[in-house]
PDB file of all heavy atoms in Angstrom:
ATOM      1  N   SER A   1     101.688 105.429 106.356  1.00  0.00           N
ATOM      2  CA  SER A   1     100.729 106.123 105.726  1.00  0.00           C
ATOM      3  C   SER A   1      99.349 105.881 106.267  1.00  0.00           C
ATOM      4  O   SER A   1      99.101 104.733 106.781  1.00  0.00           O
ATOM      5  CB  SER A   1     100.610 105.843 104.161  1.00  0.00           C
ATOM      6  OG  SER A   1     101.837 106.168 103.529  1.00  0.00           O
ATOM      7  N   SER A   2      98.546 106.917 106.313  1.00  0.00           N
ATOM      8  CA  SER A   2      97.074 106.795 106.608  1.00  0.00           C
ATOM      9  C   SER A   2      96.339 106.499 105.356  1.00  0.00           C
ATOM     10  O   SER A   2      96.476 107.198 104.353  1.00  0.00           O
ATOM     11  CB  SER A   2      96.558 108.078 107.250  1.00  0.00           C
ATOM     12  OG  SER A   2      95.202 107.968 107.489  1.00  0.00           O
ATOM     13  N   MET A   3      95.710 105.329 105.265  1.00  0.00           N
ATOM     14  CA  MET A   3      94.979 104.912 104.159  1.00  0.00           C
ATOM     15  C   MET A   3      93.560 105.103 104.283  1.00  0.00           C
ATOM     16  O   MET A   3      92.912 104.895 105.304  1.00  0.00           O
ATOM     17  CB  MET A   3      95.373 103.400 103.822  1.00  0.00           C
ATOM     18  CG  MET A   3      96.736 103.054 103.767  1.00  0.00           C
ATOM     19  SD  MET A   3      97.649 103.943 102.385  1.00  0.00           S
ATOM     20  CE  MET A   3      96.739 103.245 100.963  1.00  0.00           C
ATOM     21  N   ALA A   4      92.930 105.352 103.089  1.00  0.00           N
ATOM     22  CA  ALA A   4      91.488 105.514 103.071  1.00  0.00           C
ATOM     23  C   ALA A   4      90.826 105.292 101.757  1.00  0.00           C
ATOM     24  O   ALA A   4      91.548 105.102 100.740  1.00  0.00           O
ATOM     25  CB  ALA A   4      91.163 107.023 103.405  1.00  0.00           C
ATOM     26  N   TRP A   5      89.466 104.901 101.866  1.00  0.00           N
ATOM     27  CA  TRP A   5      88.644 104.743 100.692  1.00  0.00           C
ATOM     28  C   TRP A   5      87.644 105.949 100.638  1.00  0.00           C
ATOM     29  O   TRP A   5      87.014 106.182 101.597  1.00  0.00           O
ATOM     30  CB  TRP A   5      87.941 103.390 100.728  1.00  0.00           C
ATOM     31  CG  TRP A   5      88.857 102.325 100.502  1.00  0.00           C
ATOM     32  CD1 TRP A   5      89.311 101.417 101.413  1.00  0.00           C
ATOM     33  CD2 TRP A   5      89.221 101.642  99.193  1.00  0.00           C
ATOM     34  NE1 TRP A   5      90.022 100.408 100.807  1.00  0.00           N
ATOM     35  CE2 TRP A   5      89.969 100.597  99.454  1.00  0.00           C
ATOM     36  CE3 TRP A   5      89.004 102.091  97.849  1.00  0.00           C
ATOM     37  CZ2 TRP A   5      90.572  99.729  98.526  1.00  0.00           C
ATOM     38  CZ3 TRP A   5      89.570 101.340  96.831  1.00  0.00           C
ATOM     39  CH2 TRP A   5      90.302 100.172  97.160  1.00  0.00           C
ATOM     40  N   TYR A   6      87.600 106.447  99.404  1.00  0.00           N
ATOM     41  CA  TYR A   6      86.507 107.512  99.190  1.00  0.00           C
ATOM     42  C   TYR A   6      85.723 106.960  98.058  1.00  0.00           C
ATOM     43  O   TYR A   6      85.976 105.942  97.387  1.00  0.00           O
ATOM     44  CB  TYR A   6      87.268 108.799  98.711  1.00  0.00           C
ATOM     45  CG  TYR A   6      87.886 109.635  99.870  1.00  0.00           C
ATOM     46  CD1 TYR A   6      89.139 109.148 100.412  1.00  0.00           C
ATOM     47  CD2 TYR A   6      87.229 110.835 100.335  1.00  0.00           C
ATOM     48  CE1 TYR A   6      89.776 109.966 101.421  1.00  0.00           C
ATOM     49  CE2 TYR A   6      87.963 111.487 101.358  1.00  0.00           C
ATOM     50  CZ  TYR A   6      89.197 111.119 101.885  1.00  0.00           C
ATOM     51  OH  TYR A   6      89.858 111.809 102.901  1.00  0.00           O
ATOM     52  N   ARG A   7      84.572 107.671  97.846  1.00  0.00           N
ATOM     53  CA  ARG A   7      83.763 107.312  96.755  1.00  0.00           C
ATOM     54  C   ARG A   7      83.048 108.540  96.204  1.00  0.00           C
ATOM     55  O   ARG A   7      82.798 109.578  97.064  1.00  0.00           O
ATOM     56  CB  ARG A   7      82.655 106.192  97.155  1.00  0.00           C
ATOM     57  CG  ARG A   7      81.620 106.627  98.122  1.00  0.00           C
ATOM     58  CD  ARG A   7      80.741 105.534  98.542  1.00  0.00           C
ATOM     59  NE  ARG A   7      79.602 105.884  99.408  1.00  0.00           N
ATOM     60  CZ  ARG A   7      78.860 105.061  99.913  1.00  0.00           C
ATOM     61  NH1 ARG A   7      78.900 103.713  99.808  1.00  0.00           N
ATOM     62  NH2 ARG A   7      77.951 105.539 100.819  1.00  0.00           N
ATOM     63  N   GLN A   8      82.721 108.501  94.963  1.00  0.00           N
ATOM     64  CA  GLN A   8      81.990 109.624  94.377  1.00  0.00           C
ATOM     65  C   GLN A   8      80.883 109.094  93.432  1.00  0.00           C
ATOM     66  O   GLN A   8      81.137 108.407  92.513  1.00  0.00           O
ATOM     67  CB  GLN A   8      82.924 110.491  93.553  1.00  0.00           C
ATOM     68  CG  GLN A   8      82.329 111.753  93.004  1.00  0.00           C
ATOM     69  CD  GLN A   8      83.317 112.728  92.637  1.00  0.00           C
ATOM     70  OE1 GLN A   8      84.367 112.400  92.216  1.00  0.00           O
ATOM     71  NE2 GLN A   8      82.835 114.026  92.498  1.00  0.00           N
ATOM     72  N   ALA A   9      79.706 109.390  93.698  1.00  0.00           N
ATOM     73  CA  ALA A   9      78.488 108.961  92.926  1.00  0.00           C
ATOM     74  C   ALA A   9      78.200 110.045  91.944  1.00  0.00           C
ATOM     75  O   ALA A   9      78.500 111.344  92.187  1.00  0.00           O
ATOM     76  CB  ALA A   9      77.354 108.779  93.784  1.00  0.00           C
ATOM     77  N   PRO A  10      77.523 109.806  90.845  1.00  0.00           N
ATOM     78  CA  PRO A  10      77.200 110.763  89.919  1.00  0.00           C
ATOM     79  C   PRO A  10      76.469 112.004  90.460  1.00  0.00           C
ATOM     80  O   PRO A  10      75.427 111.811  91.209  1.00  0.00           O
ATOM     81  CB  PRO A  10      76.428 110.160  88.886  1.00  0.00           C
ATOM     82  CG  PRO A  10      76.899 108.691  88.929  1.00  0.00           C
ATOM     83  CD  PRO A  10      77.145 108.425  90.378  1.00  0.00           C
ATOM     84  N   GLY A  11      76.925 113.177  90.260  1.00  0.00           N
ATOM     85  CA  GLY A  11      76.157 114.405  90.804  1.00  0.00           C
ATOM     86  C   GLY A  11      76.466 114.707  92.295  1.00  0.00           C
ATOM     87  O   GLY A  11      75.861 115.607  92.762  1.00  0.00           O
ATOM     88  N   LYS A  12      77.327 113.912  92.830  1.00  0.00           N
ATOM     89  CA  LYS A  12      77.614 114.167  94.295  1.00  0.00           C
ATOM     90  C   LYS A  12      79.151 114.373  94.426  1.00  0.00           C
ATOM     91  O   LYS A  12      79.949 114.073  93.583  1.00  0.00           O
ATOM     92  CB  LYS A  12      77.201 112.918  95.061  1.00  0.00           C
ATOM     93  CG  LYS A  12      75.731 112.635  95.054  1.00  0.00           C
ATOM     94  CD  LYS A  12      75.413 111.442  95.961  1.00  0.00           C
ATOM     95  CE  LYS A  12      73.888 111.205  96.071  1.00  0.00           C
ATOM     96  NZ  LYS A  12      73.549 110.025  96.908  1.00  0.00           N
ATOM     97  N   GLN A  13      79.436 114.968  95.590  1.00  0.00           N
ATOM     98  CA  GLN A  13      80.842 115.347  96.031  1.00  0.00           C
ATOM     99  C   GLN A  13      81.499 113.975  96.423  1.00  0.00           C
ATOM    100  O   GLN A  13      80.843 113.145  96.890  1.00  0.00           O
ATOM    101  CB  GLN A  13      80.859 116.291  97.023  1.00  0.00           C
ATOM    102  CG  GLN A  13      80.506 117.801  96.656  1.00  0.00           C
ATOM    103  CD  GLN A  13      80.721 118.712  97.782  1.00  0.00           C
ATOM    104  OE1 GLN A  13      80.547 118.482  98.952  1.00  0.00           O
ATOM    105  NE2 GLN A  13      80.894 120.040  97.301  1.00  0.00           N
ATOM    106  N   ARG A  14      82.787 113.927  96.300  1.00  0.00           N
ATOM    107  CA  ARG A  14      83.581 112.741  96.817  1.00  0.00           C
ATOM    108  C   ARG A  14      83.504 112.789  98.349  1.00  0.00           C
ATOM    109  O   ARG A  14      83.627 113.751  98.997  1.00  0.00           O
ATOM    110  CB  ARG A  14      85.023 112.866  96.405  1.00  0.00           C
ATOM    111  CG  ARG A  14      85.777 111.617  96.651  1.00  0.00           C
ATOM    112  CD  ARG A  14      87.154 111.746  95.975  1.00  0.00           C
ATOM    113  NE  ARG A  14      87.188 111.770  94.613  1.00  0.00           N
ATOM    114  CZ  ARG A  14      88.217 111.688  93.839  1.00  0.00           C
ATOM    115  NH1 ARG A  14      89.340 111.652  94.329  1.00  0.00           N
ATOM    116  NH2 ARG A  14      88.038 111.854  92.398  1.00  0.00           N
ATOM    117  N   GLU A  15      83.242 111.638  98.947  1.00  0.00           N
ATOM    118  CA  GLU A  15      83.114 111.575 100.272  1.00  0.00           C
ATOM    119  C   GLU A  15      84.013 110.398 100.870  1.00  0.00           C
ATOM    120  O   GLU A  15      84.260 109.399 100.273  1.00  0.00           O
ATOM    121  CB  GLU A  15      81.617 111.107 100.679  1.00  0.00           C
ATOM    122  CG  GLU A  15      81.100 109.873 100.142  1.00  0.00           C
ATOM    123  CD  GLU A  15      79.724 109.586 100.731  1.00  0.00           C
ATOM    124  OE1 GLU A  15      79.184 110.222 101.630  1.00  0.00           O
ATOM    125  OE2 GLU A  15      79.111 108.504 100.134  1.00  0.00           O
ATOM    126  N   LEU A  16      84.362 110.581 102.214  1.00  0.00           N
ATOM    127  CA  LEU A  16      85.097 109.570 102.882  1.00  0.00           C
ATOM    128  C   LEU A  16      84.298 108.480 103.158  1.00  0.00           C
ATOM    129  O   LEU A  16      83.187 108.612 103.945  1.00  0.00           O
ATOM    130  CB  LEU A  16      85.826 110.181 104.123  1.00  0.00           C
ATOM    131  CG  LEU A  16      86.632 109.183 105.014  1.00  0.00           C
ATOM    132  CD1 LEU A  16      87.798 108.603 104.253  1.00  0.00           C
ATOM    133  CD2 LEU A  16      86.984 109.951 106.264  1.00  0.00           C
ATOM    134  N   VAL A  17      84.682 107.139 102.863  1.00  0.00           N
ATOM    135  CA  VAL A  17      84.075 106.047 103.153  1.00  0.00           C
ATOM    136  C   VAL A  17      84.569 105.469 104.495  1.00  0.00           C
ATOM    137  O   VAL A  17      83.893 105.041 105.441  1.00  0.00           O
ATOM    138  CB  VAL A  17      84.033 105.008 102.086  1.00  0.00           C
ATOM    139  CG1 VAL A  17      83.405 103.647 102.518  1.00  0.00           C
ATOM    140  CG2 VAL A  17      83.370 105.565 100.823  1.00  0.00           C
ATOM    141  N   ALA A  18      85.929 105.236 104.431  1.00  0.00           N
ATOM    142  CA  ALA A  18      86.597 104.626 105.561  1.00  0.00           C
ATOM    143  C   ALA A  18      88.020 104.941 105.640  1.00  0.00           C
ATOM    144  O   ALA A  18      88.608 105.147 104.491  1.00  0.00           O
ATOM    145  CB  ALA A  18      86.493 103.106 105.558  1.00  0.00           C
ATOM    146  N   ARG A  19      88.672 105.004 106.786  1.00  0.00           N
ATOM    147  CA  ARG A  19      90.136 105.313 106.931  1.00  0.00           C
ATOM    148  C   ARG A  19      90.666 104.383 107.943  1.00  0.00           C
ATOM    149  O   ARG A  19      90.047 104.042 108.876  1.00  0.00           O
ATOM    150  CB  ARG A  19      90.266 106.798 107.272  1.00  0.00           C
ATOM    151  CG  ARG A  19      91.746 107.193 107.457  1.00  0.00           C
ATOM    152  CD  ARG A  19      91.941 108.682 107.728  1.00  0.00           C
ATOM    153  NE  ARG A  19      91.588 109.377 106.470  1.00  0.00           N
ATOM    154  CZ  ARG A  19      92.397 109.577 105.390  1.00  0.00           C
ATOM    155  NH1 ARG A  19      93.621 108.955 105.381  1.00  0.00           N
ATOM    156  NH2 ARG A  19      91.990 110.253 104.374  1.00  0.00           N
ATOM    157  N   ILE A  20      91.955 104.145 107.677  1.00  0.00           N
ATOM    158  CA  ILE A  20      92.737 103.338 108.740  1.00  0.00           C
ATOM    159  C   ILE A  20      94.080 103.926 108.833  1.00  0.00           C
ATOM    160  O   ILE A  20      94.829 104.137 107.883  1.00  0.00           O
ATOM    161  CB  ILE A  20      92.884 101.786 108.267  1.00  0.00           C
ATOM    162  CG1 ILE A  20      93.523 100.975 109.361  1.00  0.00           C
ATOM    163  CG2 ILE A  20      93.417 101.723 106.958  1.00  0.00           C
ATOM    164  CD1 ILE A  20      93.343  99.501 109.205  1.00  0.00           C
ATOM    165  N   THR A  21      94.482 104.209 109.982  1.00  0.00           N
ATOM    166  CA  THR A  21      95.686 104.914 110.246  1.00  0.00           C
ATOM    167  C   THR A  21      96.885 103.920 110.263  1.00  0.00           C
ATOM    168  O   THR A  21      96.614 102.686 110.229  1.00  0.00           O
ATOM    169  CB  THR A  21      95.672 105.625 111.666  1.00  0.00           C
ATOM    170  OG1 THR A  21      95.629 104.584 112.760  1.00  0.00           O
ATOM    171  CG2 THR A  21      94.532 106.483 111.819  1.00  0.00           C
ATOM    172  N   SER A  22      98.125 104.409 110.361  1.00  0.00           N
ATOM    173  CA  SER A  22      99.210 103.536 110.425  1.00  0.00           C
ATOM    174  C   SER A  22      99.286 102.608 111.623  1.00  0.00           C
ATOM    175  O   SER A  22      99.842 101.522 111.477  1.00  0.00           O
ATOM    176  CB  SER A  22     100.477 104.352 110.345  1.00  0.00           C
ATOM    177  OG  SER A  22     100.553 105.170 111.510  1.00  0.00           O
ATOM    178  N   SER A  23      98.556 103.039 112.643  1.00  0.00           N
ATOM    179  CA  SER A  23      98.447 102.122 113.858  1.00  0.00           C
ATOM    180  C   SER A  23      97.268 101.260 113.825  1.00  0.00           C
ATOM    181  O   SER A  23      97.027 100.416 114.849  1.00  0.00           O
ATOM    182  CB  SER A  23      98.492 103.028 115.081  1.00  0.00           C
ATOM    183  OG  SER A  23      97.333 103.844 115.074  1.00  0.00           O
ATOM    184  N   GLY A  24      96.419 101.284 112.726  1.00  0.00           N
ATOM    185  CA  GLY A  24      95.343 100.376 112.665  1.00  0.00           C
ATOM    186  C   GLY A  24      93.928 100.890 113.219  1.00  0.00           C
ATOM    187  O   GLY A  24      92.980 100.153 113.238  1.00  0.00           O
ATOM    188  N   ILE A  25      93.901 102.156 113.604  1.00  0.00           N
ATOM    189  CA  ILE A  25      92.706 102.745 113.960  1.00  0.00           C
ATOM    190  C   ILE A  25      91.830 103.169 112.846  1.00  0.00           C
ATOM    191  O   ILE A  25      92.283 103.633 111.767  1.00  0.00           O
ATOM    192  CB  ILE A  25      92.898 104.027 114.826  1.00  0.00           C
ATOM    193  CG1 ILE A  25      93.914 103.808 115.993  1.00  0.00           C
ATOM    194  CG2 ILE A  25      91.622 104.684 115.331  1.00  0.00           C
ATOM    195  CD1 ILE A  25      93.431 102.764 116.932  1.00  0.00           C
ATOM    196  N   THR A  26      90.510 102.630 112.960  1.00  0.00           N
ATOM    197  CA  THR A  26      89.570 102.813 111.796  1.00  0.00           C
ATOM    198  C   THR A  26      88.554 103.961 112.030  1.00  0.00           C
ATOM    199  O   THR A  26      88.111 104.166 113.214  1.00  0.00           O
ATOM    200  CB  THR A  26      88.985 101.458 111.428  1.00  0.00           C
ATOM    201  OG1 THR A  26      88.226 101.073 112.528  1.00  0.00           O
ATOM    202  CG2 THR A  26      90.020 100.484 110.985  1.00  0.00           C
ATOM    203  N   ASN A  27      88.055 104.413 110.952  1.00  0.00           N
ATOM    204  CA  ASN A  27      86.959 105.459 111.009  1.00  0.00           C
ATOM    205  C   ASN A  27      86.014 105.097 109.779  1.00  0.00           C
ATOM    206  O   ASN A  27      86.538 104.933 108.691  1.00  0.00           O
ATOM    207  CB  ASN A  27      87.492 106.797 111.031  1.00  0.00           C
ATOM    208  CG  ASN A  27      86.346 107.858 111.207  1.00  0.00           C
ATOM    209  OD1 ASN A  27      85.649 107.905 112.054  1.00  0.00           O
ATOM    210  ND2 ASN A  27      86.274 108.707 110.148  1.00  0.00           N
ATOM    211  N   TYR A  28      84.739 105.247 110.004  1.00  0.00           N
ATOM    212  CA  TYR A  28      83.862 104.880 108.994  1.00  0.00           C
ATOM    213  C   TYR A  28      82.677 105.929 108.844  1.00  0.00           C
ATOM    214  O   TYR A  28      82.324 106.597 109.789  1.00  0.00           O
ATOM    215  CB  TYR A  28      83.026 103.626 109.028  1.00  0.00           C
ATOM    216  CG  TYR A  28      84.000 102.338 109.209  1.00  0.00           C
ATOM    217  CD1 TYR A  28      84.484 101.908 110.374  1.00  0.00           C
ATOM    218  CD2 TYR A  28      84.310 101.612 108.024  1.00  0.00           C
ATOM    219  CE1 TYR A  28      85.332 100.804 110.375  1.00  0.00           C
ATOM    220  CE2 TYR A  28      85.071 100.598 108.047  1.00  0.00           C
ATOM    221  CZ  TYR A  28      85.678 100.114 109.216  1.00  0.00           C
ATOM    222  OH  TYR A  28      86.480  99.017 109.275  1.00  0.00           O
ATOM    223  N   ALA A  29      82.209 106.247 107.630  1.00  0.00           N
ATOM    224  CA  ALA A  29      81.132 106.978 107.347  1.00  0.00           C
ATOM    225  C   ALA A  29      79.861 106.352 107.963  1.00  0.00           C
ATOM    226  O   ALA A  29      79.826 105.103 108.001  1.00  0.00           O
ATOM    227  CB  ALA A  29      80.768 107.264 105.875  1.00  0.00           C
ATOM    228  N   ASP A  30      78.944 107.132 108.528  1.00  0.00           N
ATOM    229  CA  ASP A  30      77.827 106.548 109.120  1.00  0.00           C
ATOM    230  C   ASP A  30      77.042 105.699 108.275  1.00  0.00           C
ATOM    231  O   ASP A  30      76.458 104.626 108.724  1.00  0.00           O
ATOM    232  CB  ASP A  30      76.891 107.639 109.759  1.00  0.00           C
ATOM    233  CG  ASP A  30      77.491 108.391 110.885  1.00  0.00           C
ATOM    234  OD1 ASP A  30      78.428 107.814 111.629  1.00  0.00           O
ATOM    235  OD2 ASP A  30      76.993 109.503 111.178  1.00  0.00           O
ATOM    236  N   SER A  31      76.974 105.947 107.011  1.00  0.00           N
ATOM    237  CA  SER A  31      76.245 105.318 106.071  1.00  0.00           C
ATOM    238  C   SER A  31      76.662 103.769 105.831  1.00  0.00           C
ATOM    239  O   SER A  31      75.985 102.985 105.225  1.00  0.00           O
ATOM    240  CB  SER A  31      76.191 105.928 104.754  1.00  0.00           C
ATOM    241  OG  SER A  31      77.466 106.137 104.146  1.00  0.00           O
ATOM    242  N   VAL A  32      77.959 103.547 106.193  1.00  0.00           N
ATOM    243  CA  VAL A  32      78.574 102.232 105.950  1.00  0.00           C
ATOM    244  C   VAL A  32      78.942 101.450 107.128  1.00  0.00           C
ATOM    245  O   VAL A  32      79.294 100.326 106.987  1.00  0.00           O
ATOM    246  CB  VAL A  32      79.717 102.308 104.969  1.00  0.00           C
ATOM    247  CG1 VAL A  32      79.429 103.084 103.673  1.00  0.00           C
ATOM    248  CG2 VAL A  32      80.926 102.927 105.654  1.00  0.00           C
ATOM    249  N   LYS A  33      78.750 101.990 108.366  1.00  0.00           N
ATOM    250  CA  LYS A  33      79.086 101.377 109.517  1.00  0.00           C
ATOM    251  C   LYS A  33      78.345 100.086 109.626  1.00  0.00           C
ATOM    252  O   LYS A  33      77.164  99.969 109.439  1.00  0.00           O
ATOM    253  CB  LYS A  33      78.904 102.308 110.720  1.00  0.00           C
ATOM    254  CG  LYS A  33      79.867 103.402 111.002  1.00  0.00           C
ATOM    255  CD  LYS A  33      79.508 104.346 112.147  1.00  0.00           C
ATOM    256  CE  LYS A  33      80.646 105.361 112.342  1.00  0.00           C
ATOM    257  NZ  LYS A  33      80.254 106.262 113.449  1.00  0.00           N
ATOM    258  N   GLY A  34      79.053  99.063 110.106  1.00  0.00           N
ATOM    259  CA  GLY A  34      78.402  97.799 110.281  1.00  0.00           C
ATOM    260  C   GLY A  34      78.349  96.898 108.970  1.00  0.00           C
ATOM    261  O   GLY A  34      78.041  95.822 109.083  1.00  0.00           O
ATOM    262  N   ARG A  35      78.645  97.519 107.847  1.00  0.00           N
ATOM    263  CA  ARG A  35      78.572  96.906 106.569  1.00  0.00           C
ATOM    264  C   ARG A  35      79.897  96.757 105.903  1.00  0.00           C
ATOM    265  O   ARG A  35      80.196  95.712 105.252  1.00  0.00           O
ATOM    266  CB  ARG A  35      77.590  97.571 105.574  1.00  0.00           C
ATOM    267  CG  ARG A  35      76.109  97.605 106.160  1.00  0.00           C
ATOM    268  CD  ARG A  35      75.175  98.156 105.106  1.00  0.00           C
ATOM    269  NE  ARG A  35      75.502  99.504 104.652  1.00  0.00           N
ATOM    270  CZ  ARG A  35      75.900  99.797 103.326  1.00  0.00           C
ATOM    271  NH1 ARG A  35      75.805  98.954 102.400  1.00  0.00           N
ATOM    272  NH2 ARG A  35      76.061 101.115 103.136  1.00  0.00           N
ATOM    273  N   PHE A  36      80.665  97.803 106.074  1.00  0.00           N
ATOM    274  CA  PHE A  36      82.078  97.798 105.379  1.00  0.00           C
ATOM    275  C   PHE A  36      83.087  97.590 106.453  1.00  0.00           C
ATOM    276  O   PHE A  36      83.047  98.124 107.567  1.00  0.00           O
ATOM    277  CB  PHE A  36      82.224  99.109 104.713  1.00  0.00           C
ATOM    278  CG  PHE A  36      81.401  99.402 103.471  1.00  0.00           C
ATOM    279  CD1 PHE A  36      80.382  98.560 103.158  1.00  0.00           C
ATOM    280  CD2 PHE A  36      81.693 100.480 102.578  1.00  0.00           C
ATOM    281  CE1 PHE A  36      79.536  98.750 101.948  1.00  0.00           C
ATOM    282  CE2 PHE A  36      80.835 100.658 101.514  1.00  0.00           C
ATOM    283  CZ  PHE A  36      79.857  99.820 101.178  1.00  0.00           C
ATOM    284  N   THR A  37      84.250  97.077 106.085  1.00  0.00           N
ATOM    285  CA  THR A  37      85.365  96.876 106.892  1.00  0.00           C
ATOM    286  C   THR A  37      86.652  97.255 106.048  1.00  0.00           C
ATOM    287  O   THR A  37      86.949  96.686 105.002  1.00  0.00           O
ATOM    288  CB  THR A  37      85.553  95.458 107.392  1.00  0.00           C
ATOM    289  OG1 THR A  37      84.318  95.090 108.106  1.00  0.00           O
ATOM    290  CG2 THR A  37      86.727  95.343 108.261  1.00  0.00           C
ATOM    291  N   ILE A  38      87.470  98.103 106.658  1.00  0.00           N
ATOM    292  CA  ILE A  38      88.744  98.498 106.079  1.00  0.00           C
ATOM    293  C   ILE A  38      89.852  97.732 106.867  1.00  0.00           C
ATOM    294  O   ILE A  38      89.732  97.789 108.033  1.00  0.00           O
ATOM    295  CB  ILE A  38      88.950 100.068 105.938  1.00  0.00           C
ATOM    296  CG1 ILE A  38      90.213 100.376 105.234  1.00  0.00           C
ATOM    297  CG2 ILE A  38      89.030 100.650 107.502  1.00  0.00           C
ATOM    298  CD1 ILE A  38      90.449 101.912 104.967  1.00  0.00           C
ATOM    299  N   SER A  39      90.811  97.335 106.147  1.00  0.00           N
ATOM    300  CA  SER A  39      91.997  96.627 106.708  1.00  0.00           C
ATOM    301  C   SER A  39      93.211  96.895 105.854  1.00  0.00           C
ATOM    302  O   SER A  39      93.097  97.368 104.791  1.00  0.00           O
ATOM    303  CB  SER A  39      91.707  95.199 106.908  1.00  0.00           C
ATOM    304  OG  SER A  39      91.429  94.519 105.625  1.00  0.00           O
ATOM    305  N   ARG A  40      94.272  96.558 106.445  1.00  0.00           N
ATOM    306  CA  ARG A  40      95.656  96.805 105.724  1.00  0.00           C
ATOM    307  C   ARG A  40      96.618  95.651 106.085  1.00  0.00           C
ATOM    308  O   ARG A  40      96.535  95.025 107.085  1.00  0.00           O
ATOM    309  CB  ARG A  40      96.211  98.079 106.072  1.00  0.00           C
ATOM    310  CG  ARG A  40      96.721  98.322 107.543  1.00  0.00           C
ATOM    311  CD  ARG A  40      97.044  99.777 107.784  1.00  0.00           C
ATOM    312  NE  ARG A  40      98.125 100.256 107.038  1.00  0.00           N
ATOM    313  CZ  ARG A  40      98.424 101.559 106.812  1.00  0.00           C
ATOM    314  NH1 ARG A  40      97.605 102.444 107.363  1.00  0.00           N
ATOM    315  NH2 ARG A  40      99.494 101.933 106.048  1.00  0.00           N
ATOM    316  N   ASP A  41      97.430  95.413 105.008  1.00  0.00           N
ATOM    317  CA  ASP A  41      98.445  94.360 105.219  1.00  0.00           C
ATOM    318  C   ASP A  41      99.686  95.025 104.829  1.00  0.00           C
ATOM    319  O   ASP A  41     100.016  95.257 103.629  1.00  0.00           O
ATOM    320  CB  ASP A  41      98.234  93.165 104.300  1.00  0.00           C
ATOM    321  CG  ASP A  41      99.202  92.147 104.550  1.00  0.00           C
ATOM    322  OD1 ASP A  41     100.368  92.349 105.036  1.00  0.00           O
ATOM    323  OD2 ASP A  41      98.903  90.917 104.335  1.00  0.00           O
ATOM    324  N   ASN A  42     100.483  95.516 105.750  1.00  0.00           N
ATOM    325  CA  ASN A  42     101.611  96.318 105.613  1.00  0.00           C
ATOM    326  C   ASN A  42     102.782  95.468 104.874  1.00  0.00           C
ATOM    327  O   ASN A  42     103.646  96.031 104.122  1.00  0.00           O
ATOM    328  CB  ASN A  42     102.301  96.851 106.933  1.00  0.00           C
ATOM    329  CG  ASN A  42     101.336  97.965 107.484  1.00  0.00           C
ATOM    330  OD1 ASN A  42     100.565  98.537 106.744  1.00  0.00           O
ATOM    331  ND2 ASN A  42     101.588  98.247 108.769  1.00  0.00           N
ATOM    332  N   GLY A  43     102.848  94.145 105.117  1.00  0.00           N
ATOM    333  CA  GLY A  43     103.719  93.337 104.493  1.00  0.00           C
ATOM    334  C   GLY A  43     103.534  93.198 102.919  1.00  0.00           C
ATOM    335  O   GLY A  43     104.496  93.080 102.159  1.00  0.00           O
TER     336      GLY A  43
END
């Protein structure tokens, strides 16, 4: 599975925060780059 974190603030649309693919490739929203880290433990 491709896993992701989204967030939704009051009065705003839900937005993608970070995603990590099954192979471990990550993608971050510009607003959180350098501050947030997504990871997964398949076990």
